[in-house]
Amino acid sequence: IVPANTGFALHWKEAIRSDECIQALSLIV
């Protein structure tokens, strides 16, 4: 989630890297 002219924009990437997945999952639960 990055700043944009109208507020914030979402830049997507596939859930491949284990460190990013673990960080995201830990926040979800």
mmCIF file of all heavy atoms, coordinates in Angstrom:
data_MODEL
# 
_entry.id   MODEL 
# 
loop_
_atom_site.group_PDB 
_atom_site.id 
_atom_site.type_symbol 
_atom_site.label_atom_id 
_atom_site.label_alt_id 
_atom_site.label_comp_id 
_atom_site.label_asym_id 
_atom_site.label_entity_id 
_atom_site.label_seq_id 
_atom_site.pdbx_PDB_ins_code 
_atom_site.Cartn_x 
_atom_site.Cartn_y 
_atom_site.Cartn_z 
_atom_site.occupancy 
_atom_site.B_iso_or_equiv 
_atom_site.pdbx_formal_charge 
_atom_site.auth_seq_id 
_atom_site.auth_comp_id 
_atom_site.auth_asym_id 
_atom_site.auth_atom_id 
_atom_site.pdbx_PDB_model_num 
ATOM 1   N N   . ILE A 1 1  ? 0.859  -1.183  0.000  1.00 0.00 ? 1  ILE A N   1 
ATOM 2   C CA  . ILE A 1 1  ? 0.000  0.000   0.000  1.00 0.00 ? 1  ILE A CA  1 
ATOM 3   C C   . ILE A 1 1  ? 0.896  1.234   0.000  1.00 0.00 ? 1  ILE A C   1 
ATOM 4   O O   . ILE A 1 1  ? 1.665  1.445   0.937  1.00 0.00 ? 1  ILE A O   1 
ATOM 5   C CB  . ILE A 1 1  ? -0.954 -0.013  1.207  1.00 0.00 ? 1  ILE A CB  1 
ATOM 6   C CG1 . ILE A 1 1  ? -1.854 -1.256  1.123  1.00 0.00 ? 1  ILE A CG1 1 
ATOM 7   C CG2 . ILE A 1 1  ? -1.785 1.253   1.269  1.00 0.00 ? 1  ILE A CG2 1 
ATOM 8   C CD1 . ILE A 1 1  ? -2.806 -1.417  2.277  1.00 0.00 ? 1  ILE A CD1 1 
ATOM 9   N N   . VAL A 1 2  ? 0.771  2.012   -1.051 1.00 0.00 ? 2  VAL A N   1 
ATOM 10  C CA  . VAL A 1 2  ? 1.688  3.143   -1.251 1.00 0.00 ? 2  VAL A CA  1 
ATOM 11  C C   . VAL A 1 2  ? 0.893  4.429   -1.449 1.00 0.00 ? 2  VAL A C   1 
ATOM 12  O O   . VAL A 1 2  ? -0.246 4.400   -1.930 1.00 0.00 ? 2  VAL A O   1 
ATOM 13  C CB  . VAL A 1 2  ? 2.601  2.895   -2.476 1.00 0.00 ? 2  VAL A CB  1 
ATOM 14  C CG1 . VAL A 1 2  ? 3.466  1.674   -2.251 1.00 0.00 ? 2  VAL A CG1 1 
ATOM 15  C CG2 . VAL A 1 2  ? 1.767  2.739   -3.745 1.00 0.00 ? 2  VAL A CG2 1 
ATOM 16  N N   . PRO A 1 3  ? 1.458  5.583   -1.051 1.00 0.00 ? 3  PRO A N   1 
ATOM 17  C CA  . PRO A 1 3  ? 0.770  6.864   -1.265 1.00 0.00 ? 3  PRO A CA  1 
ATOM 18  C C   . PRO A 1 3  ? 0.521  7.113   -2.754 1.00 0.00 ? 3  PRO A C   1 
ATOM 19  O O   . PRO A 1 3  ? 1.332  6.745   -3.609 1.00 0.00 ? 3  PRO A O   1 
ATOM 20  C CB  . PRO A 1 3  ? 1.737  7.892   -0.681 1.00 0.00 ? 3  PRO A CB  1 
ATOM 21  C CG  . PRO A 1 3  ? 2.599  7.121   0.258  1.00 0.00 ? 3  PRO A CG  1 
ATOM 22  C CD  . PRO A 1 3  ? 2.733  5.751   -0.338 1.00 0.00 ? 3  PRO A CD  1 
ATOM 23  N N   . ALA A 1 4  ? -0.622 7.723   -3.051 1.00 0.00 ? 4  ALA A N   1 
ATOM 24  C CA  . ALA A 1 4  ? -0.978 8.072   -4.429 1.00 0.00 ? 4  ALA A CA  1 
ATOM 25  C C   . ALA A 1 4  ? -1.633 9.444   -4.427 1.00 0.00 ? 4  ALA A C   1 
ATOM 26  O O   . ALA A 1 4  ? -1.913 10.017  -3.364 1.00 0.00 ? 4  ALA A O   1 
ATOM 27  C CB  . ALA A 1 4  ? -1.915 7.022   -5.018 1.00 0.00 ? 4  ALA A CB  1 
ATOM 28  N N   . ASN A 1 5  ? -1.905 9.961   -5.596 1.00 0.00 ? 5  ASN A N   1 
ATOM 29  C CA  . ASN A 1 5  ? -2.480 11.303  -5.705 1.00 0.00 ? 5  ASN A CA  1 
ATOM 30  C C   . ASN A 1 5  ? -3.825 11.413  -4.995 1.00 0.00 ? 5  ASN A C   1 
ATOM 31  O O   . ASN A 1 5  ? -4.160 12.444  -4.418 1.00 0.00 ? 5  ASN A O   1 
ATOM 32  C CB  . ASN A 1 5  ? -2.654 11.689  -7.180 1.00 0.00 ? 5  ASN A CB  1 
ATOM 33  C CG  . ASN A 1 5  ? -1.312 11.876  -7.877 1.00 0.00 ? 5  ASN A CG  1 
ATOM 34  O OD1 . ASN A 1 5  ? -0.316 12.182  -7.227 1.00 0.00 ? 5  ASN A OD1 1 
ATOM 35  N ND2 . ASN A 1 5  ? -1.294 11.694  -9.190 1.00 0.00 ? 5  ASN A ND2 1 
ATOM 36  N N   . THR A 1 6  ? -4.592 10.344  -5.028 1.00 0.00 ? 6  THR A N   1 
ATOM 37  C CA  . THR A 1 6  ? -5.924 10.358  -4.423 1.00 0.00 ? 6  THR A CA  1 
ATOM 38  C C   . THR A 1 6  ? -5.974 9.696   -3.054 1.00 0.00 ? 6  THR A C   1 
ATOM 39  O O   . THR A 1 6  ? -7.058 9.488   -2.519 1.00 0.00 ? 6  THR A O   1 
ATOM 40  C CB  . THR A 1 6  ? -6.920 9.649   -5.360 1.00 0.00 ? 6  THR A CB  1 
ATOM 41  O OG1 . THR A 1 6  ? -6.450 8.314   -5.604 1.00 0.00 ? 6  THR A OG1 1 
ATOM 42  C CG2 . THR A 1 6  ? -7.043 10.406  -6.681 1.00 0.00 ? 6  THR A CG2 1 
ATOM 43  N N   . GLY A 1 7  ? -4.833 9.356   -2.481 1.00 0.00 ? 7  GLY A N   1 
ATOM 44  C CA  . GLY A 1 7  ? -4.804 8.708   -1.166 1.00 0.00 ? 7  GLY A CA  1 
ATOM 45  C C   . GLY A 1 7  ? -3.778 7.605   -1.124 1.00 0.00 ? 7  GLY A C   1 
ATOM 46  O O   . GLY A 1 7  ? -2.587 7.857   -0.978 1.00 0.00 ? 7  GLY A O   1 
ATOM 47  N N   . PHE A 1 8  ? -4.241 6.351   -1.312 1.00 0.00 ? 8  PHE A N   1 
ATOM 48  C CA  . PHE A 1 8  ? -3.350 5.202   -1.312 1.00 0.00 ? 8  PHE A CA  1 
ATOM 49  C C   . PHE A 1 8  ? -3.699 4.293   -2.481 1.00 0.00 ? 8  PHE A C   1 
ATOM 50  O O   . PHE A 1 8  ? -4.864 4.158   -2.860 1.00 0.00 ? 8  PHE A O   1 
ATOM 51  C CB  . PHE A 1 8  ? -3.473 4.401   -0.007 1.00 0.00 ? 8  PHE A CB  1 
ATOM 52  C CG  . PHE A 1 8  ? -2.984 5.138   1.211  1.00 0.00 ? 8  PHE A CG  1 
ATOM 53  C CD1 . PHE A 1 8  ? -3.865 5.866   1.997  1.00 0.00 ? 8  PHE A CD1 1 
ATOM 54  C CD2 . PHE A 1 8  ? -1.641 5.100   1.577  1.00 0.00 ? 8  PHE A CD2 1 
ATOM 55  C CE1 . PHE A 1 8  ? -3.426 6.541   3.117  1.00 0.00 ? 8  PHE A CE1 1 
ATOM 56  C CE2 . PHE A 1 8  ? -1.195 5.767   2.690  1.00 0.00 ? 8  PHE A CE2 1 
ATOM 57  C CZ  . PHE A 1 8  ? -2.085 6.497   3.466  1.00 0.00 ? 8  PHE A CZ  1 
ATOM 58  N N   . ALA A 1 9  ? -2.683 3.667   -3.043 1.00 0.00 ? 9  ALA A N   1 
ATOM 59  C CA  . ALA A 1 9  ? -2.875 2.693   -4.116 1.00 0.00 ? 9  ALA A CA  1 
ATOM 60  C C   . ALA A 1 9  ? -2.344 1.335   -3.674 1.00 0.00 ? 9  ALA A C   1 
ATOM 61  O O   . ALA A 1 9  ? -1.481 1.247   -2.797 1.00 0.00 ? 9  ALA A O   1 
ATOM 62  C CB  . ALA A 1 9  ? -2.164 3.153   -5.390 1.00 0.00 ? 9  ALA A CB  1 
ATOM 63  N N   . LEU A 1 10 ? -2.857 0.266   -4.276 1.00 0.00 ? 10 LEU A N   1 
ATOM 64  C CA  . LEU A 1 10 ? -2.445 -1.094  -3.958 1.00 0.00 ? 10 LEU A CA  1 
ATOM 65  C C   . LEU A 1 10 ? -1.640 -1.649  -5.126 1.00 0.00 ? 10 LEU A C   1 
ATOM 66  O O   . LEU A 1 10 ? -2.143 -1.716  -6.250 1.00 0.00 ? 10 LEU A O   1 
ATOM 67  C CB  . LEU A 1 10 ? -3.656 -1.988  -3.681 1.00 0.00 ? 10 LEU A CB  1 
ATOM 68  C CG  . LEU A 1 10 ? -4.352 -1.840  -2.324 1.00 0.00 ? 10 LEU A CG  1 
ATOM 69  C CD1 . LEU A 1 10 ? -5.134 -0.534  -2.249 1.00 0.00 ? 10 LEU A CD1 1 
ATOM 70  C CD2 . LEU A 1 10 ? -5.295 -3.014  -2.057 1.00 0.00 ? 10 LEU A CD2 1 
ATOM 71  N N   . HIS A 1 11 ? -0.403 -2.044  -4.845 1.00 0.00 ? 11 HIS A N   1 
ATOM 72  C CA  . HIS A 1 11 ? 0.468  -2.661  -5.840 1.00 0.00 ? 11 HIS A CA  1 
ATOM 73  C C   . HIS A 1 11 ? 0.618  -4.139  -5.503 1.00 0.00 ? 11 HIS A C   1 
ATOM 74  O O   . HIS A 1 11 ? 1.195  -4.489  -4.466 1.00 0.00 ? 11 HIS A O   1 
ATOM 75  C CB  . HIS A 1 11 ? 1.828  -1.962  -5.873 1.00 0.00 ? 11 HIS A CB  1 
ATOM 76  C CG  . HIS A 1 11 ? 1.755  -0.545  -6.370 1.00 0.00 ? 11 HIS A CG  1 
ATOM 77  N ND1 . HIS A 1 11 ? 2.846  0.303   -6.401 1.00 0.00 ? 11 HIS A ND1 1 
ATOM 78  C CD2 . HIS A 1 11 ? 0.714  0.183   -6.874 1.00 0.00 ? 11 HIS A CD2 1 
ATOM 79  C CE1 . HIS A 1 11 ? 2.471  1.486   -6.883 1.00 0.00 ? 11 HIS A CE1 1 
ATOM 80  N NE2 . HIS A 1 11 ? 1.192  1.436   -7.167 1.00 0.00 ? 11 HIS A NE2 1 
ATOM 81  N N   . TRP A 1 12 ? 0.127  -5.003  -6.397 1.00 0.00 ? 12 TRP A N   1 
ATOM 82  C CA  . TRP A 1 12 ? 0.029  -6.424  -6.084 1.00 0.00 ? 12 TRP A CA  1 
ATOM 83  C C   . TRP A 1 12 ? 1.244  -7.226  -6.543 1.00 0.00 ? 12 TRP A C   1 
ATOM 84  O O   . TRP A 1 12 ? 1.893  -6.905  -7.539 1.00 0.00 ? 12 TRP A O   1 
ATOM 85  C CB  . TRP A 1 12 ? -1.235 -7.011  -6.730 1.00 0.00 ? 12 TRP A CB  1 
ATOM 86  C CG  . TRP A 1 12 ? -2.472 -6.573  -6.020 1.00 0.00 ? 12 TRP A CG  1 
ATOM 87  C CD1 . TRP A 1 12 ? -3.257 -5.494  -6.321 1.00 0.00 ? 12 TRP A CD1 1 
ATOM 88  C CD2 . TRP A 1 12 ? -3.044 -7.183  -4.866 1.00 0.00 ? 12 TRP A CD2 1 
ATOM 89  N NE1 . TRP A 1 12 ? -4.296 -5.395  -5.423 1.00 0.00 ? 12 TRP A NE1 1 
ATOM 90  C CE2 . TRP A 1 12 ? -4.197 -6.419  -4.518 1.00 0.00 ? 12 TRP A CE2 1 
ATOM 91  C CE3 . TRP A 1 12 ? -2.716 -8.296  -4.097 1.00 0.00 ? 12 TRP A CE3 1 
ATOM 92  C CZ2 . TRP A 1 12 ? -4.999 -6.742  -3.441 1.00 0.00 ? 12 TRP A CZ2 1 
ATOM 93  C CZ3 . TRP A 1 12 ? -3.520 -8.621  -3.013 1.00 0.00 ? 12 TRP A CZ3 1 
ATOM 94  C CH2 . TRP A 1 12 ? -4.638 -7.844  -2.698 1.00 0.00 ? 12 TRP A CH2 1 
ATOM 95  N N   . LYS A 1 13 ? 1.527  -8.290  -5.787 1.00 0.00 ? 13 LYS A N   1 
ATOM 96  C CA  . LYS A 1 13 ? 2.549  -9.258  -6.160 1.00 0.00 ? 13 LYS A CA  1 
ATOM 97  C C   . LYS A 1 13 ? 2.066  -10.633 -5.717 1.00 0.00 ? 13 LYS A C   1 
ATOM 98  O O   . LYS A 1 13 ? 1.243  -10.755 -4.789 1.00 0.00 ? 13 LYS A O   1 
ATOM 99  C CB  . LYS A 1 13 ? 3.891  -8.921  -5.501 1.00 0.00 ? 13 LYS A CB  1 
ATOM 100 C CG  . LYS A 1 13 ? 3.824  -8.738  -3.988 1.00 0.00 ? 13 LYS A CG  1 
ATOM 101 C CD  . LYS A 1 13 ? 5.094  -8.109  -3.453 1.00 0.00 ? 13 LYS A CD  1 
ATOM 102 C CE  . LYS A 1 13 ? 4.944  -7.776  -1.963 1.00 0.00 ? 13 LYS A CE  1 
ATOM 103 N NZ  . LYS A 1 13 ? 6.117  -7.056  -1.440 1.00 0.00 ? 13 LYS A NZ  1 
ATOM 104 N N   . GLU A 1 14 ? 2.560  -11.642 -6.369 1.00 0.00 ? 14 GLU A N   1 
ATOM 105 C CA  . GLU A 1 14 ? 2.154  -13.001 -6.019 1.00 0.00 ? 14 GLU A CA  1 
ATOM 106 C C   . GLU A 1 14 ? 2.762  -13.396 -4.667 1.00 0.00 ? 14 GLU A C   1 
ATOM 107 O O   . GLU A 1 14 ? 3.847  -12.937 -4.300 1.00 0.00 ? 14 GLU A O   1 
ATOM 108 C CB  . GLU A 1 14 ? 2.609  -13.989 -7.099 1.00 0.00 ? 14 GLU A CB  1 
ATOM 109 C CG  . GLU A 1 14 ? 2.055  -13.684 -8.479 1.00 0.00 ? 14 GLU A CG  1 
ATOM 110 C CD  . GLU A 1 14 ? 0.541  -13.574 -8.502 1.00 0.00 ? 14 GLU A CD  1 
ATOM 111 O OE1 . GLU A 1 14 ? -0.120 -14.461 -7.925 1.00 0.00 ? 14 GLU A OE1 1 
ATOM 112 O OE2 . GLU A 1 14 ? 0.020  -12.616 -9.092 1.00 0.00 ? 14 GLU A OE2 1 
ATOM 113 N N   . ALA A 1 15 ? 2.026  -14.239 -3.947 1.00 0.00 ? 15 ALA A N   1 
ATOM 114 C CA  . ALA A 1 15 ? 2.482  -14.697 -2.627 1.00 0.00 ? 15 ALA A CA  1 
ATOM 115 C C   . ALA A 1 15 ? 3.475  -15.844 -2.824 1.00 0.00 ? 15 ALA A C   1 
ATOM 116 O O   . ALA A 1 15 ? 3.099  -17.022 -2.788 1.00 0.00 ? 15 ALA A O   1 
ATOM 117 C CB  . ALA A 1 15 ? 1.295  -15.120 -1.768 1.00 0.00 ? 15 ALA A CB  1 
ATOM 118 N N   . ILE A 1 16 ? 4.730  -15.484 -3.049 1.00 0.00 ? 16 ILE A N   1 
ATOM 119 C CA  . ILE A 1 16 ? 5.774  -16.485 -3.328 1.00 0.00 ? 16 ILE A CA  1 
ATOM 120 C C   . ILE A 1 16 ? 6.839  -16.490 -2.238 1.00 0.00 ? 16 ILE A C   1 
ATOM 121 O O   . ILE A 1 16 ? 7.199  -17.540 -1.703 1.00 0.00 ? 16 ILE A O   1 
ATOM 122 C CB  . ILE A 1 16 ? 6.427  -16.216 -4.701 1.00 0.00 ? 16 ILE A CB  1 
ATOM 123 C CG1 . ILE A 1 16 ? 5.366  -16.334 -5.817 1.00 0.00 ? 16 ILE A CG1 1 
ATOM 124 C CG2 . ILE A 1 16 ? 7.582  -17.176 -4.947 1.00 0.00 ? 16 ILE A CG2 1 
ATOM 125 C CD1 . ILE A 1 16 ? 5.883  -15.961 -7.183 1.00 0.00 ? 16 ILE A CD1 1 
ATOM 126 N N   . ARG A 1 17 ? 7.345  -15.300 -1.883 1.00 0.00 ? 17 ARG A N   1 
ATOM 127 C CA  . ARG A 1 17 ? 8.436  -15.233 -0.909 1.00 0.00 ? 17 ARG A CA  1 
ATOM 128 C C   . ARG A 1 17 ? 7.944  -15.656 0.470  1.00 0.00 ? 17 ARG A C   1 
ATOM 129 O O   . ARG A 1 17 ? 6.952  -15.145 0.989  1.00 0.00 ? 17 ARG A O   1 
ATOM 130 C CB  . ARG A 1 17 ? 8.996  -13.818 -0.853 1.00 0.00 ? 17 ARG A CB  1 
ATOM 131 C CG  . ARG A 1 17 ? 9.808  -13.428 -2.076 1.00 0.00 ? 17 ARG A CG  1 
ATOM 132 C CD  . ARG A 1 17 ? 10.353 -12.031 -1.955 1.00 0.00 ? 17 ARG A CD  1 
ATOM 133 N NE  . ARG A 1 17 ? 11.031 -11.816 -0.666 1.00 0.00 ? 17 ARG A NE  1 
ATOM 134 C CZ  . ARG A 1 17 ? 11.578 -10.656 -0.313 1.00 0.00 ? 17 ARG A CZ  1 
ATOM 135 N NH1 . ARG A 1 17 ? 11.515 -9.616  -1.138 1.00 0.00 ? 17 ARG A NH1 1 
ATOM 136 N NH2 . ARG A 1 17 ? 12.173 -10.529 0.856  1.00 0.00 ? 17 ARG A NH2 1 
ATOM 137 N N   . SER A 1 18 ? 8.649  -16.601 1.089  1.00 0.00 ? 18 SER A N   1 
ATOM 138 C CA  . SER A 1 18 ? 8.203  -17.151 2.374  1.00 0.00 ? 18 SER A CA  1 
ATOM 139 C C   . SER A 1 18 ? 8.187  -16.102 3.473  1.00 0.00 ? 18 SER A C   1 
ATOM 140 O O   . SER A 1 18 ? 7.283  -16.097 4.325  1.00 0.00 ? 18 SER A O   1 
ATOM 141 C CB  . SER A 1 18 ? 9.087  -18.328 2.777  1.00 0.00 ? 18 SER A CB  1 
ATOM 142 O OG  . SER A 1 18 ? 10.438 -17.926 2.896  1.00 0.00 ? 18 SER A OG  1 
ATOM 143 N N   . ASP A 1 19 ? 9.178  -15.194 3.486  1.00 0.00 ? 19 ASP A N   1 
ATOM 144 C CA  . ASP A 1 19 ? 9.219  -14.197 4.552  1.00 0.00 ? 19 ASP A CA  1 
ATOM 145 C C   . ASP A 1 19 ? 8.022  -13.257 4.470  1.00 0.00 ? 19 ASP A C   1 
ATOM 146 O O   . ASP A 1 19 ? 7.430  -12.896 5.487  1.00 0.00 ? 19 ASP A O   1 
ATOM 147 C CB  . ASP A 1 19 ? 10.533 -13.416 4.517  1.00 0.00 ? 19 ASP A CB  1 
ATOM 148 C CG  . ASP A 1 19 ? 10.755 -12.711 3.189  1.00 0.00 ? 19 ASP A CG  1 
ATOM 149 O OD1 . ASP A 1 19 ? 10.189 -13.160 2.171  1.00 0.00 ? 19 ASP A OD1 1 
ATOM 150 O OD2 . ASP A 1 19 ? 11.503 -11.709 3.174  1.00 0.00 ? 19 ASP A OD2 1 
ATOM 151 N N   . GLU A 1 20 ? 7.625  -12.870 3.264  1.00 0.00 ? 20 GLU A N   1 
ATOM 152 C CA  . GLU A 1 20 ? 6.464  -12.003 3.102  1.00 0.00 ? 20 GLU A CA  1 
ATOM 153 C C   . GLU A 1 20 ? 5.177  -12.729 3.476  1.00 0.00 ? 20 GLU A C   1 
ATOM 154 O O   . GLU A 1 20 ? 4.279  -12.144 4.102  1.00 0.00 ? 20 GLU A O   1 
ATOM 155 C CB  . GLU A 1 20 ? 6.376  -11.496 1.660  1.00 0.00 ? 20 GLU A CB  1 
ATOM 156 C CG  . GLU A 1 20 ? 7.499  -10.549 1.265  1.00 0.00 ? 20 GLU A CG  1 
ATOM 157 C CD  . GLU A 1 20 ? 7.405  -10.115 -0.176 1.00 0.00 ? 20 GLU A CD  1 
ATOM 158 O OE1 . GLU A 1 20 ? 6.831  -10.864 -1.000 1.00 0.00 ? 20 GLU A OE1 1 
ATOM 159 O OE2 . GLU A 1 20 ? 7.918  -9.026  -0.486 1.00 0.00 ? 20 GLU A OE2 1 
ATOM 160 N N   . CYS A 1 21 ? 5.081  -13.995 3.115  1.00 0.00 ? 21 CYS A N   1 
ATOM 161 C CA  . CYS A 1 21 ? 3.887  -14.779 3.452  1.00 0.00 ? 21 CYS A CA  1 
ATOM 162 C C   . CYS A 1 21 ? 3.752  -14.956 4.955  1.00 0.00 ? 21 CYS A C   1 
ATOM 163 O O   . CYS A 1 21 ? 2.655  -14.813 5.524  1.00 0.00 ? 21 CYS A O   1 
ATOM 164 C CB  . CYS A 1 21 ? 3.938  -16.143 2.771  1.00 0.00 ? 21 CYS A CB  1 
ATOM 165 S SG  . CYS A 1 21 ? 3.790  -16.091 0.968  1.00 0.00 ? 21 CYS A SG  1 
ATOM 166 N N   . ILE A 1 22 ? 4.857  -15.259 5.621  1.00 0.00 ? 22 ILE A N   1 
ATOM 167 C CA  . ILE A 1 22 ? 4.822  -15.444 7.073  1.00 0.00 ? 22 ILE A CA  1 
ATOM 168 C C   . ILE A 1 22 ? 4.424  -14.153 7.769  1.00 0.00 ? 22 ILE A C   1 
ATOM 169 O O   . ILE A 1 22 ? 3.604  -14.151 8.694  1.00 0.00 ? 22 ILE A O   1 
ATOM 170 C CB  . ILE A 1 22 ? 6.200  -15.946 7.576  1.00 0.00 ? 22 ILE A CB  1 
ATOM 171 C CG1 . ILE A 1 22 ? 6.453  -17.366 7.085  1.00 0.00 ? 22 ILE A CG1 1 
ATOM 172 C CG2 . ILE A 1 22 ? 6.275  -15.877 9.102  1.00 0.00 ? 22 ILE A CG2 1 
ATOM 173 C CD1 . ILE A 1 22 ? 7.858  -17.859 7.351  1.00 0.00 ? 22 ILE A CD1 1 
ATOM 174 N N   . GLN A 1 23 ? 4.970  -13.042 7.317  1.00 0.00 ? 23 GLN A N   1 
ATOM 175 C CA  . GLN A 1 23 ? 4.643  -11.759 7.920  1.00 0.00 ? 23 GLN A CA  1 
ATOM 176 C C   . GLN A 1 23 ? 3.161  -11.436 7.733  1.00 0.00 ? 23 GLN A C   1 
ATOM 177 O O   . GLN A 1 23 ? 2.484  -10.995 8.669  1.00 0.00 ? 23 GLN A O   1 
ATOM 178 C CB  . GLN A 1 23 ? 5.496  -10.655 7.303  1.00 0.00 ? 23 GLN A CB  1 
ATOM 179 C CG  . GLN A 1 23 ? 5.251  -9.280  7.930  1.00 0.00 ? 23 GLN A CG  1 
ATOM 180 C CD  . GLN A 1 23 ? 6.117  -8.206  7.296  1.00 0.00 ? 23 GLN A CD  1 
ATOM 181 O OE1 . GLN A 1 23 ? 6.735  -8.422  6.265  1.00 0.00 ? 23 GLN A OE1 1 
ATOM 182 N NE2 . GLN A 1 23 ? 6.167  -7.048  7.921  1.00 0.00 ? 23 GLN A NE2 1 
ATOM 183 N N   . ALA A 1 24 ? 2.650  -11.668 6.526  1.00 0.00 ? 24 ALA A N   1 
ATOM 184 C CA  . ALA A 1 24 ? 1.246  -11.392 6.259  1.00 0.00 ? 24 ALA A CA  1 
ATOM 185 C C   . ALA A 1 24 ? 0.339  -12.293 7.071  1.00 0.00 ? 24 ALA A C   1 
ATOM 186 O O   . ALA A 1 24 ? -0.647 -11.842 7.674  1.00 0.00 ? 24 ALA A O   1 
ATOM 187 C CB  . ALA A 1 24 ? 0.958  -11.555 4.764  1.00 0.00 ? 24 ALA A CB  1 
ATOM 188 N N   . LEU A 1 25 ? 0.651  -13.586 7.131  1.00 0.00 ? 25 LEU A N   1 
ATOM 189 C CA  . LEU A 1 25 ? -0.179 -14.534 7.866  1.00 0.00 ? 25 LEU A CA  1 
ATOM 190 C C   . LEU A 1 25 ? -0.171 -14.255 9.362  1.00 0.00 ? 25 LEU A C   1 
ATOM 191 O O   . LEU A 1 25 ? -1.197 -14.394 10.032 1.00 0.00 ? 25 LEU A O   1 
ATOM 192 C CB  . LEU A 1 25 ? 0.284  -15.966 7.590  1.00 0.00 ? 25 LEU A CB  1 
ATOM 193 C CG  . LEU A 1 25 ? -0.030 -16.507 6.196  1.00 0.00 ? 25 LEU A CG  1 
ATOM 194 C CD1 . LEU A 1 25 ? 0.682  -17.819 5.966  1.00 0.00 ? 25 LEU A CD1 1 
ATOM 195 C CD2 . LEU A 1 25 ? -1.531 -16.680 6.026  1.00 0.00 ? 25 LEU A CD2 1 
ATOM 196 N N   . SER A 1 26 ? 0.984  -13.843 9.903  1.00 0.00 ? 26 SER A N   1 
ATOM 197 C CA  . SER A 1 26 ? 1.052  -13.553 11.330 1.00 0.00 ? 26 SER A CA  1 
ATOM 198 C C   . SER A 1 26 ? 0.156  -12.383 11.697 1.00 0.00 ? 26 SER A C   1 
ATOM 199 O O   . SER A 1 26 ? -0.428 -12.340 12.779 1.00 0.00 ? 26 SER A O   1 
ATOM 200 C CB  . SER A 1 26 ? 2.496  -13.269 11.747 1.00 0.00 ? 26 SER A CB  1 
ATOM 201 O OG  . SER A 1 26 ? 2.977  -12.084 11.141 1.00 0.00 ? 26 SER A OG  1 
ATOM 202 N N   . LEU A 1 27 ? 0.009  -11.432 10.780 1.00 0.00 ? 27 LEU A N   1 
ATOM 203 C CA  . LEU A 1 27 ? -0.865 -10.291 11.038 1.00 0.00 ? 27 LEU A CA  1 
ATOM 204 C C   . LEU A 1 27 ? -2.326 -10.685 10.907 1.00 0.00 ? 27 LEU A C   1 
ATOM 205 O O   . LEU A 1 27 ? -3.177 -10.271 11.698 1.00 0.00 ? 27 LEU A O   1 
ATOM 206 C CB  . LEU A 1 27 ? -0.532 -9.151  10.073 1.00 0.00 ? 27 LEU A CB  1 
ATOM 207 C CG  . LEU A 1 27 ? -1.138 -7.779  10.373 1.00 0.00 ? 27 LEU A CG  1 
ATOM 208 C CD1 . LEU A 1 27 ? -0.773 -7.321  11.783 1.00 0.00 ? 27 LEU A CD1 1 
ATOM 209 C CD2 . LEU A 1 27 ? -0.651 -6.762  9.348  1.00 0.00 ? 27 LEU A CD2 1 
ATOM 210 N N   . ILE A 1 28 ? -2.627 -11.529 9.940  1.00 0.00 ? 28 ILE A N   1 
ATOM 211 C CA  . ILE A 1 28 ? -4.004 -11.969 9.726  1.00 0.00 ? 28 ILE A CA  1 
ATOM 212 C C   . ILE A 1 28 ? -4.568 -12.679 10.948 1.00 0.00 ? 28 ILE A C   1 
ATOM 213 O O   . ILE A 1 28 ? -5.712 -12.471 11.345 1.00 0.00 ? 28 ILE A O   1 
ATOM 214 C CB  . ILE A 1 28 ? -4.091 -12.907 8.505  1.00 0.00 ? 28 ILE A CB  1 
ATOM 215 C CG1 . ILE A 1 28 ? -3.835 -12.122 7.212  1.00 0.00 ? 28 ILE A CG1 1 
ATOM 216 C CG2 . ILE A 1 28 ? -5.458 -13.595 8.434  1.00 0.00 ? 28 ILE A CG2 1 
ATOM 217 C CD1 . ILE A 1 28 ? -3.688 -13.020 5.995  1.00 0.00 ? 28 ILE A CD1 1 
ATOM 218 N N   . VAL A 1 29 ? -3.772 -13.564 11.555 1.00 0.00 ? 29 VAL A N   1 
ATOM 219 C CA  . VAL A 1 29 ? -4.285 -14.384 12.649 1.00 0.00 ? 29 VAL A CA  1 
ATOM 220 C C   . VAL A 1 29 ? -4.107 -13.718 14.012 1.00 0.00 ? 29 VAL A C   1 
ATOM 221 O O   . VAL A 1 29 ? -4.451 -14.298 15.034 1.00 0.00 ? 29 VAL A O   1 
ATOM 222 C CB  . VAL A 1 29 ? -3.616 -15.774 12.678 1.00 0.00 ? 29 VAL A CB  1 
ATOM 223 C CG1 . VAL A 1 29 ? -3.871 -16.507 11.386 1.00 0.00 ? 29 VAL A CG1 1 
ATOM 224 C CG2 . VAL A 1 29 ? -2.113 -15.644 12.930 1.00 0.00 ? 29 VAL A CG2 1 
# 
